Amino acid sequence: MTILETRDLKKYYNSGENTVKALDGVNLKIEDGTFTAIVGTSGSGKSTLLHMLGGLDRPTEGKVLIDKKDMNSICGRFTVCRFKI
């Protein structure tokens, strides 16, 4: 059973005339009872991904699903979200 999933997750930051694509179309599924490690080089988006998964930040596009529920619908308009599974 999938307990955490992302669908086409994107997080873009505008820096003057440049757009930084911290996450660009991330699809991820984490199954119940598994251990998952997120690894990558500095600046590859690990912390940004964890912020999205933890409800600390909102994606530019895409969805984070917890137990098949869209985190945006759980959290409403709030940037930081508290929820119980």
N, C-alpha and C. Protein backbone atom coordinates (compact mmCIF):
# COMPACT_ATOMS: atom_id res chain seq x y z
N MET A 1 0.84 -1.18 0.00
CA MET A 1 0.00 0.00 0.00
C MET A 1 0.89 1.25 0.00
N THR A 2 0.61 2.19 -0.88
CA THR A 2 1.37 3.44 -0.97
C THR A 2 0.89 4.38 0.13
N ILE A 3 1.83 4.84 0.98
CA ILE A 3 1.46 5.76 2.06
C ILE A 3 1.84 7.20 1.75
N LEU A 4 2.82 7.38 0.86
CA LEU A 4 3.27 8.73 0.49
C LEU A 4 3.61 8.72 -1.00
N GLU A 5 3.08 9.70 -1.72
CA GLU A 5 3.29 9.74 -3.16
C GLU A 5 3.39 11.18 -3.63
N THR A 6 4.24 11.41 -4.63
CA THR A 6 4.25 12.70 -5.32
C THR A 6 3.92 12.46 -6.78
N ARG A 7 3.23 13.42 -7.37
CA ARG A 7 2.88 13.35 -8.79
C ARG A 7 3.31 14.65 -9.46
N ASP A 8 4.28 14.53 -10.36
CA ASP A 8 4.77 15.65 -11.16
C ASP A 8 5.06 16.88 -10.29
N LEU A 9 5.76 16.66 -9.18
CA LEU A 9 6.04 17.71 -8.20
C LEU A 9 7.08 18.68 -8.73
N LYS A 10 6.74 19.97 -8.68
CA LYS A 10 7.64 21.03 -9.16
C LYS A 10 7.71 22.14 -8.13
N LYS A 11 8.92 22.67 -7.96
CA LYS A 11 9.11 23.85 -7.12
C LYS A 11 10.09 24.76 -7.84
N TYR A 12 9.61 25.93 -8.24
CA TYR A 12 10.41 26.90 -8.97
C TYR A 12 10.55 28.16 -8.11
N TYR A 13 11.74 28.74 -8.15
CA TYR A 13 12.01 30.01 -7.48
C TYR A 13 12.44 31.01 -8.54
N ASN A 14 11.88 32.21 -8.47
CA ASN A 14 12.29 33.27 -9.39
C ASN A 14 13.39 34.08 -8.72
N SER A 15 14.48 34.25 -9.44
CA SER A 15 15.62 35.01 -8.95
C SER A 15 15.98 36.04 -10.02
N GLY A 16 15.36 37.21 -9.92
CA GLY A 16 15.56 38.21 -10.96
C GLY A 16 14.99 37.73 -12.28
N GLU A 17 15.83 37.67 -13.28
CA GLU A 17 15.38 37.21 -14.60
C GLU A 17 15.49 35.70 -14.74
N ASN A 18 16.07 35.03 -13.75
CA ASN A 18 16.28 33.59 -13.82
C ASN A 18 15.23 32.83 -13.01
N THR A 19 14.93 31.63 -13.47
CA THR A 19 14.06 30.73 -12.73
C THR A 19 14.88 29.52 -12.31
N VAL A 20 14.90 29.26 -11.01
CA VAL A 20 15.63 28.11 -10.48
C VAL A 20 14.62 26.98 -10.30
N LYS A 21 14.89 25.86 -10.94
CA LYS A 21 14.00 24.70 -10.84
C LYS A 21 14.57 23.75 -9.79
N ALA A 22 14.13 23.95 -8.54
CA ALA A 22 14.62 23.12 -7.44
C ALA A 22 14.09 21.69 -7.58
N LEU A 23 12.84 21.54 -7.96
CA LEU A 23 12.24 20.24 -8.28
C LEU A 23 11.52 20.40 -9.61
N ASP A 24 11.68 19.44 -10.49
CA ASP A 24 11.09 19.57 -11.83
C ASP A 24 10.49 18.25 -12.28
N GLY A 25 9.26 17.98 -11.81
CA GLY A 25 8.55 16.78 -12.25
C GLY A 25 8.90 15.53 -11.48
N VAL A 26 8.99 15.62 -10.16
CA VAL A 26 9.36 14.47 -9.32
C VAL A 26 8.15 13.58 -9.10
N ASN A 27 8.31 12.30 -9.42
CA ASN A 27 7.30 11.27 -9.13
C ASN A 27 7.93 10.27 -8.18
N LEU A 28 7.24 10.00 -7.09
CA LEU A 28 7.79 9.17 -6.02
C LEU A 28 6.66 8.40 -5.36
N LYS A 29 6.92 7.15 -5.03
CA LYS A 29 5.97 6.35 -4.25
C LYS A 29 6.74 5.68 -3.12
N ILE A 30 6.21 5.80 -1.91
CA ILE A 30 6.80 5.13 -0.76
C ILE A 30 5.74 4.19 -0.20
N GLU A 31 6.10 2.94 -0.14
CA GLU A 31 5.17 1.90 0.31
C GLU A 31 5.25 1.73 1.82
N ASP A 32 4.14 1.32 2.41
CA ASP A 32 4.06 1.04 3.84
C ASP A 32 5.09 -0.03 4.21
N GLY A 33 5.82 0.20 5.29
CA GLY A 33 6.78 -0.78 5.79
C GLY A 33 8.15 -0.72 5.14
N THR A 34 8.40 0.24 4.27
CA THR A 34 9.70 0.34 3.62
C THR A 34 10.51 1.48 4.24
N PHE A 35 11.83 1.38 4.08
CA PHE A 35 12.74 2.45 4.45
C PHE A 35 13.20 3.12 3.18
N THR A 36 13.23 4.45 3.18
CA THR A 36 13.61 5.18 1.98
C THR A 36 14.67 6.21 2.33
N ALA A 37 15.70 6.29 1.51
CA ALA A 37 16.75 7.30 1.66
C ALA A 37 16.69 8.24 0.47
N ILE A 38 16.86 9.51 0.75
CA ILE A 38 16.92 10.51 -0.32
C ILE A 38 18.35 11.03 -0.34
N VAL A 39 19.05 10.76 -1.44
CA VAL A 39 20.45 11.14 -1.56
C VAL A 39 20.67 11.92 -2.84
N GLY A 40 21.71 12.74 -2.85
CA GLY A 40 22.05 13.52 -4.04
C GLY A 40 23.11 14.54 -3.71
N THR A 41 23.61 15.17 -4.73
CA THR A 41 24.65 16.17 -4.55
C THR A 41 24.05 17.44 -3.94
N SER A 42 24.92 18.30 -3.47
CA SER A 42 24.51 19.58 -2.91
C SER A 42 23.75 20.38 -3.98
N GLY A 43 22.60 20.91 -3.59
CA GLY A 43 21.81 21.71 -4.53
C GLY A 43 20.90 20.93 -5.44
N SER A 44 20.76 19.63 -5.20
CA SER A 44 19.94 18.80 -6.10
C SER A 44 18.45 18.76 -5.72
N GLY A 45 18.07 19.40 -4.61
CA GLY A 45 16.65 19.48 -4.25
C GLY A 45 16.20 18.58 -3.13
N LYS A 46 17.13 17.96 -2.42
CA LYS A 46 16.74 17.03 -1.34
C LYS A 46 15.94 17.73 -0.25
N SER A 47 16.45 18.84 0.25
CA SER A 47 15.75 19.57 1.32
C SER A 47 14.43 20.12 0.83
N THR A 48 14.39 20.60 -0.40
CA THR A 48 13.14 21.11 -0.97
C THR A 48 12.11 19.99 -1.03
N LEU A 49 12.52 18.82 -1.47
CA LEU A 49 11.61 17.67 -1.53
C LEU A 49 11.09 17.33 -0.14
N LEU A 50 11.97 17.29 0.85
CA LEU A 50 11.54 16.96 2.21
C LEU A 50 10.59 18.03 2.76
N HIS A 51 10.82 19.29 2.43
CA HIS A 51 9.90 20.34 2.85
C HIS A 51 8.51 20.13 2.24
N MET A 52 8.46 19.72 0.98
CA MET A 52 7.18 19.44 0.33
C MET A 52 6.49 18.24 0.99
N LEU A 53 7.26 17.19 1.22
CA LEU A 53 6.69 15.97 1.82
C LEU A 53 6.20 16.20 3.24
N GLY A 54 6.88 17.09 3.96
CA GLY A 54 6.52 17.36 5.34
C GLY A 54 5.47 18.45 5.53
N GLY A 55 5.01 19.05 4.44
CA GLY A 55 3.99 20.08 4.55
C GLY A 55 4.53 21.43 4.99
N LEU A 56 5.85 21.62 4.90
CA LEU A 56 6.43 22.90 5.31
C LEU A 56 6.42 23.93 4.19
N ASP A 57 6.24 23.48 2.97
CA ASP A 57 6.22 24.38 1.81
C ASP A 57 5.26 23.80 0.78
N ARG A 58 4.78 24.66 -0.10
CA ARG A 58 3.84 24.23 -1.14
C ARG A 58 4.55 24.12 -2.47
N PRO A 59 4.16 23.16 -3.28
CA PRO A 59 4.76 23.04 -4.62
C PRO A 59 4.25 24.12 -5.56
N THR A 60 5.06 24.44 -6.55
CA THR A 60 4.63 25.32 -7.63
C THR A 60 3.56 24.61 -8.45
N GLU A 61 3.78 23.34 -8.71
CA GLU A 61 2.82 22.47 -9.42
C GLU A 61 2.95 21.07 -8.86
N GLY A 62 1.97 20.24 -9.14
CA GLY A 62 2.01 18.84 -8.74
C GLY A 62 1.31 18.61 -7.42
N LYS A 63 1.38 17.36 -6.98
CA LYS A 63 0.66 16.95 -5.77
C LYS A 63 1.53 16.11 -4.86
N VAL A 64 1.26 16.26 -3.56
CA VAL A 64 1.80 15.36 -2.55
C VAL A 64 0.59 14.65 -1.96
N LEU A 65 0.60 13.34 -2.01
CA LEU A 65 -0.52 12.55 -1.49
C LEU A 65 -0.07 11.76 -0.27
N ILE A 66 -0.82 11.90 0.80
CA ILE A 66 -0.58 11.12 2.00
C ILE A 66 -1.78 10.22 2.20
N ASP A 67 -1.53 8.93 2.16
CA ASP A 67 -2.61 7.94 2.26
C ASP A 67 -3.72 8.26 1.26
N LYS A 68 -3.30 8.61 0.02
CA LYS A 68 -4.17 8.91 -1.12
C LYS A 68 -4.96 10.21 -0.98
N LYS A 69 -4.62 11.03 0.03
CA LYS A 69 -5.28 12.33 0.21
C LYS A 69 -4.32 13.43 -0.20
N ASP A 70 -4.80 14.36 -1.01
CA ASP A 70 -3.98 15.47 -1.49
C ASP A 70 -3.67 16.40 -0.31
N MET A 71 -2.39 16.66 -0.07
CA MET A 71 -1.99 17.49 1.05
C MET A 71 -2.57 18.90 0.94
N ASN A 72 -2.72 19.43 -0.28
CA ASN A 72 -3.31 20.77 -0.44
C ASN A 72 -4.75 20.82 0.05
N SER A 73 -5.50 19.74 -0.15
CA SER A 73 -6.88 19.74 0.33
C SER A 73 -6.93 19.53 1.84
N ILE A 74 -5.94 18.85 2.40
CA ILE A 74 -5.88 18.66 3.86
C ILE A 74 -5.49 19.98 4.53
N CYS A 75 -4.51 20.68 3.96
CA CYS A 75 -3.93 21.87 4.59
C CYS A 75 -4.66 23.16 4.25
N GLY A 76 -5.44 23.16 3.20
CA GLY A 76 -6.13 24.39 2.82
C GLY A 76 -5.15 25.45 2.34
N ARG A 77 -5.36 26.67 2.78
CA ARG A 77 -4.55 27.80 2.30
C ARG A 77 -3.29 28.02 3.12
N PHE A 78 -3.07 27.24 4.17
CA PHE A 78 -1.92 27.43 5.05
C PHE A 78 -0.63 26.92 4.41
N THR A 79 0.47 27.64 4.63
CA THR A 79 1.77 27.21 4.12
C THR A 79 2.27 26.03 4.93
N VAL A 80 2.21 26.13 6.25
CA VAL A 80 2.65 25.05 7.11
C VAL A 80 1.40 24.29 7.54
N CYS A 81 1.49 22.98 7.54
CA CYS A 81 0.32 22.14 7.74
C CYS A 81 0.54 21.18 8.91
N ARG A 82 -0.49 20.97 9.69
CA ARG A 82 -0.46 19.95 10.73
C ARG A 82 -1.57 18.96 10.43
N PHE A 83 -1.23 17.69 10.44
CA PHE A 83 -2.23 16.67 10.13
C PHE A 83 -1.90 15.39 10.89
N LYS A 84 -2.91 14.56 11.05
CA LYS A 84 -2.75 13.28 11.74
C LYS A 84 -3.17 12.18 10.80
N ILE A 85 -2.32 11.17 10.71
CA ILE A 85 -2.61 10.04 9.82
C ILE A 85 -3.18 8.90 10.64
